[in-house]
Amino acid sequence: MKKISIILLVLFLGISIQTQAQEKSKKLTRKEKKELKKKQEEKRKKEVIQLIDSKKFIFEAYEIIDKHGNSFPANSDINFIKIDSNKMVIQIGSARSIGINGLGGIALEGTITKFDVSRKKEGSFTYIVMKAELKTGYYDIQLDISPSGSTRVTITSSEYGKIVLVGDINSIQNSRTIQGTTY
């Protein structure tokens, strides 16, 4: 009986010690995860700033808000704004129908005539104000970009009104967008 109680005591102590060790390793793992997440966020902030400063990036929209405030989900593969130095492509479409660009919408190509970037401080929101001359007229475009790359774009035209797009900016090389025929 004494042997059984000693064996049970040893087993109980062994299990409690193992449980404590696992809890400590979980805490370390959480801490490591937190540090890793912080490093990834810092890396993304630097990447976003580099993309903006290079004037070579693509904004991929996952939501469209019309002039009446109605919100619609968007396919980011075919809804985007591509900035490449002083050239620009705006493509807006729907995967449900075929548009004049061959993909379900319209793709406009043109020239950026104004590109002003402002930041309140390093690591905060970046604001870009652009003017563009596209085939269908002149457009005022404002991008409000968070440090993580989440972006809200407002496109205004005296002829067509205003549309708001919500999405993320990425490098052109890493984009999975599909561009239709431009006008």
Protein backbone atom coordinates (compact mmCIF):
# COMPACT_ATOMS: atom_id res chain seq x y z
CA MET A 1 0.00 0.00 0.00
CA LYS A 2 2.88 2.31 0.85
CA LYS A 3 4.48 1.61 -2.53
CA ILE A 4 1.27 2.38 -4.39
CA SER A 5 0.82 5.70 -2.56
CA ILE A 6 4.47 6.66 -3.31
CA ILE A 7 4.02 5.77 -6.99
CA LEU A 8 0.80 7.81 -7.17
CA LEU A 9 2.51 10.74 -5.44
CA VAL A 10 5.43 10.63 -7.88
CA LEU A 11 3.05 10.39 -10.85
CA PHE A 12 0.96 13.31 -9.54
CA LEU A 13 4.06 15.46 -9.00
CA GLY A 14 5.39 14.52 -12.43
CA ILE A 15 2.12 15.47 -14.11
CA SER A 16 1.91 18.80 -12.26
CA ILE A 17 5.54 19.64 -13.12
CA GLN A 18 4.90 18.76 -16.79
CA THR A 19 1.73 20.91 -16.82
CA GLN A 20 3.63 23.87 -15.37
CA ALA A 21 6.38 23.47 -17.98
CA GLN A 22 3.78 23.39 -20.76
CA GLU A 23 2.13 26.56 -19.40
CA LYS A 24 5.50 28.34 -19.35
CA SER A 25 6.21 27.25 -22.92
CA LYS A 26 2.76 28.52 -23.99
CA LYS A 27 3.54 31.91 -22.43
CA LEU A 28 6.86 32.02 -24.26
CA THR A 29 5.12 30.99 -27.46
CA ARG A 30 2.55 33.76 -27.05
CA LYS A 31 5.30 36.25 -26.39
CA GLU A 32 7.21 35.03 -29.42
CA LYS A 33 4.05 35.25 -31.52
CA LYS A 34 3.49 38.81 -30.33
CA GLU A 35 7.07 39.77 -31.19
CA LEU A 36 6.78 38.11 -34.59
CA LYS A 37 3.53 39.95 -35.31
CA LYS A 38 5.14 43.24 -34.30
CA LYS A 39 8.12 42.58 -36.61
CA GLN A 40 5.76 41.75 -39.48
CA GLU A 41 3.80 44.97 -38.89
CA GLU A 42 7.01 47.01 -38.90
CA LYS A 43 8.15 45.30 -42.09
CA ARG A 44 4.78 46.04 -43.73
CA LYS A 45 4.96 49.72 -42.68
CA LYS A 46 8.38 50.06 -44.32
CA GLU A 47 7.15 48.26 -47.44
CA VAL A 48 4.12 50.57 -47.73
CA ILE A 49 6.29 53.68 -47.42
CA GLN A 50 8.71 52.34 -50.05
CA LEU A 51 5.84 51.60 -52.45
CA ILE A 52 4.40 55.08 -52.05
CA ASP A 53 7.77 56.82 -52.38
CA SER A 54 8.62 54.81 -55.52
CA LYS A 55 5.27 55.74 -57.14
CA LYS A 56 4.98 52.13 -58.31
CA PHE A 57 2.13 50.30 -56.60
CA ILE A 58 -1.31 48.87 -57.14
CA PHE A 59 -4.41 49.47 -55.06
CA GLU A 60 -6.69 46.40 -55.02
CA ALA A 61 -10.28 47.16 -54.04
CA TYR A 62 -12.47 44.72 -52.12
CA GLU A 63 -15.36 47.14 -51.57
CA ILE A 64 -17.03 49.81 -53.71
CA ILE A 65 -19.20 52.59 -52.28
CA ASP A 66 -21.36 54.42 -54.82
CA LYS A 67 -22.38 58.09 -54.77
CA HIS A 68 -25.49 57.20 -52.75
CA GLY A 69 -23.47 55.51 -49.99
CA ASN A 70 -24.42 51.96 -50.98
CA SER A 71 -21.62 49.47 -50.35
CA PHE A 72 -20.88 46.50 -52.62
CA PRO A 73 -18.25 43.77 -52.31
CA ALA A 74 -15.71 43.88 -55.13
CA ASN A 75 -13.43 41.32 -56.72
CA SER A 76 -9.93 42.72 -56.12
CA ASP A 77 -8.62 40.84 -59.16
CA ILE A 78 -10.53 43.15 -61.50
CA ASN A 79 -11.07 46.28 -59.36
CA PHE A 80 -7.87 48.21 -58.96
CA ILE A 81 -5.84 51.36 -59.53
CA LYS A 82 -2.33 50.86 -60.84
CA ILE A 83 0.23 53.66 -60.41
CA ASP A 84 3.48 53.38 -62.34
CA SER A 85 5.49 56.61 -62.18
CA ASN A 86 3.32 59.15 -64.02
CA LYS A 87 1.05 56.51 -65.66
CA MET A 88 -2.19 55.25 -64.21
CA VAL A 89 -4.81 52.58 -64.91
CA ILE A 90 -8.18 52.57 -63.18
CA GLN A 91 -10.26 49.44 -63.67
CA ILE A 92 -13.69 48.91 -62.15
CA GLY A 93 -15.84 45.94 -63.02
CA SER A 94 -18.05 43.06 -62.06
CA ALA A 95 -17.39 39.35 -62.51
CA ARG A 96 -21.08 38.86 -63.32
CA SER A 97 -21.13 40.54 -66.72
CA ILE A 98 -18.87 41.36 -69.63
CA GLY A 99 -17.91 45.00 -69.98
CA ILE A 100 -16.15 47.00 -72.66
CA ASN A 101 -12.76 45.97 -71.29
CA GLY A 102 -13.55 42.29 -71.87
CA LEU A 103 -13.61 41.45 -68.15
CA GLY A 104 -16.85 42.90 -66.83
CA GLY A 105 -16.22 46.61 -66.56
CA ILE A 106 -14.11 49.46 -67.79
CA ALA A 107 -10.38 50.09 -67.70
CA LEU A 108 -9.13 53.64 -68.20
CA GLU A 109 -5.52 54.54 -68.84
CA GLY A 110 -3.98 57.96 -68.49
CA THR A 111 -1.39 60.28 -67.06
CA ILE A 112 -0.95 61.57 -63.53
CA THR A 113 -0.63 65.36 -63.66
CA LYS A 114 -0.29 65.93 -59.90
CA PHE A 115 0.97 63.61 -57.14
CA ASP A 116 1.27 65.13 -53.65
CA VAL A 117 2.16 62.95 -50.63
CA SER A 118 1.80 64.06 -47.03
CA ARG A 119 2.37 62.35 -43.67
CA LYS A 120 1.81 63.89 -40.27
CA LYS A 121 4.64 61.82 -38.78
CA GLU A 122 6.59 58.65 -39.54
CA GLY A 123 4.45 55.54 -39.11
CA SER A 124 1.11 57.37 -39.37
CA PHE A 125 -1.45 57.63 -42.16
CA THR A 126 -0.22 58.74 -45.57
CA TYR A 127 -2.40 60.97 -47.72
CA ILE A 128 -1.97 61.19 -51.48
CA VAL A 129 -3.78 63.75 -53.60
CA MET A 130 -3.62 63.16 -57.33
CA LYS A 131 -5.00 64.64 -60.47
CA ALA A 132 -5.18 62.42 -63.52
CA GLU A 133 -6.02 62.93 -67.14
CA LEU A 134 -7.70 59.79 -68.44
CA LYS A 135 -9.40 59.10 -71.78
CA THR A 136 -12.80 60.05 -70.35
CA GLY A 137 -11.74 63.28 -68.65
CA TYR A 138 -10.01 64.72 -65.61
CA TYR A 139 -10.21 63.07 -62.20
CA ASP A 140 -9.33 64.06 -58.65
CA ILE A 141 -8.14 61.08 -56.64
CA GLN A 142 -7.44 60.96 -52.92
CA LEU A 143 -5.84 57.97 -51.18
CA ASP A 144 -5.91 57.64 -47.39
CA ILE A 145 -3.38 54.90 -46.58
CA SER A 146 -2.90 53.35 -43.15
CA PRO A 147 0.57 52.19 -42.07
CA SER A 148 -0.51 48.59 -42.78
CA GLY A 149 -1.56 49.42 -46.35
CA SER A 150 -5.32 49.49 -45.82
CA THR A 151 -6.55 52.21 -48.13
CA ARG A 152 -9.65 54.27 -48.87
CA VAL A 153 -9.68 55.88 -52.31
CA THR A 154 -12.05 58.64 -53.37
CA ILE A 155 -12.34 59.27 -57.11
CA THR A 156 -14.15 62.44 -58.15
CA SER A 157 -15.07 63.65 -61.60
CA SER A 158 -17.24 66.61 -62.52
CA GLU A 159 -18.85 64.50 -65.23
CA TYR A 160 -19.34 61.18 -63.39
CA GLY A 161 -19.57 62.17 -59.73
CA LYS A 162 -17.85 60.40 -56.85
CA ILE A 163 -17.01 56.78 -56.07
CA VAL A 164 -15.16 55.38 -53.06
CA LEU A 165 -13.08 52.21 -53.09
CA VAL A 166 -11.76 50.36 -50.04
CA GLY A 167 -8.87 47.90 -50.22
CA ASP A 168 -5.11 47.47 -49.83
CA ILE A 169 -2.01 48.61 -51.67
CA ASN A 170 0.58 46.12 -52.86
CA SER A 171 3.56 45.97 -55.14
CA ILE A 172 2.81 45.57 -58.83
CA GLN A 173 4.97 42.44 -58.94
CA ASN A 174 2.97 40.71 -56.17
CA SER A 175 -0.41 41.69 -57.57
CA ARG A 176 -2.83 39.07 -58.82
CA THR A 177 -4.97 41.51 -60.77
CA ILE A 178 -6.14 40.91 -64.32
CA GLN A 179 -6.17 43.95 -66.58
CA GLY A 180 -8.61 44.21 -69.44
CA THR A 181 -8.43 46.33 -72.56
CA THR A 182 -7.77 49.95 -71.61
CA TYR A 183 -9.24 53.09 -73.14
